[in-house]
Amino acid sequence: MTYTENPPPASILLGIEIPASGGDTYFANQYAALEALPKPLRSRIEGFAIKHDAAHTSVGQLRPGFEALDDPRDAPGAIHPIIRTHEETGRGALYLGRREWACIPGLPPAESEALLDELWSFAALEENVWRQQWQPYDLIIWDNRCVLHRRDAFDQGARRLMRRCQVLSGREVGTTSTHGRVETHEA
């Protein structure tokens, strides 16, 4: 949900019914991704931000109420720093969100695409990724401020029932308020 001004800092996922195969979730450490960047690349992105597209879902479908656009610079969405300082740890992490329809404001489209491709090549290095192979009633909690996640495909004829809880924050990225609330819904 990086496309919102105030993304949830954490998520909780409970596996209830798990398909026989597929549907695993992978978590990529973005502290490690930032540390893996060559110094010239890290220096180059200092102070840069990414515009995160709000018009498309995570599978690339247009959300209801949004119009199709040809240029990601015209898409609605929040802008967040590429290097995010975690409010509690004080550590920097890459903060990339989804790749599709993202752009770096102020750069020409081709330069923005090339830089994002280069950054994404460090986002999920194998040594920095953990795989959750779901069993019924496994419960996972992760910090969206320093972790990327994705799910494997699974047989669409199989049943996969998960419950997700988003921890919502009352603060904007970079502020220090400690107040929050919890909202739950089916994933």
Foldseek 3Di string as FASTA:
>chain_A
DQQDQFFFQKKKKWWAFDFPDFFKKKKFFQLQLLVPDDPVLNVVQVPWKKFDAPQADLVGHGDPPDDDDDALVPGHGDIDRQWAQDQPPRGTGGQLPHDPSMFIPPDDRVVRNVSSVVSVVSRHDPVRMDIGDDDHGDMDMDGNRGMDMDTTDDPPVTDIWMWMKGWGDPDGGPDHDPDTDIDTDTD
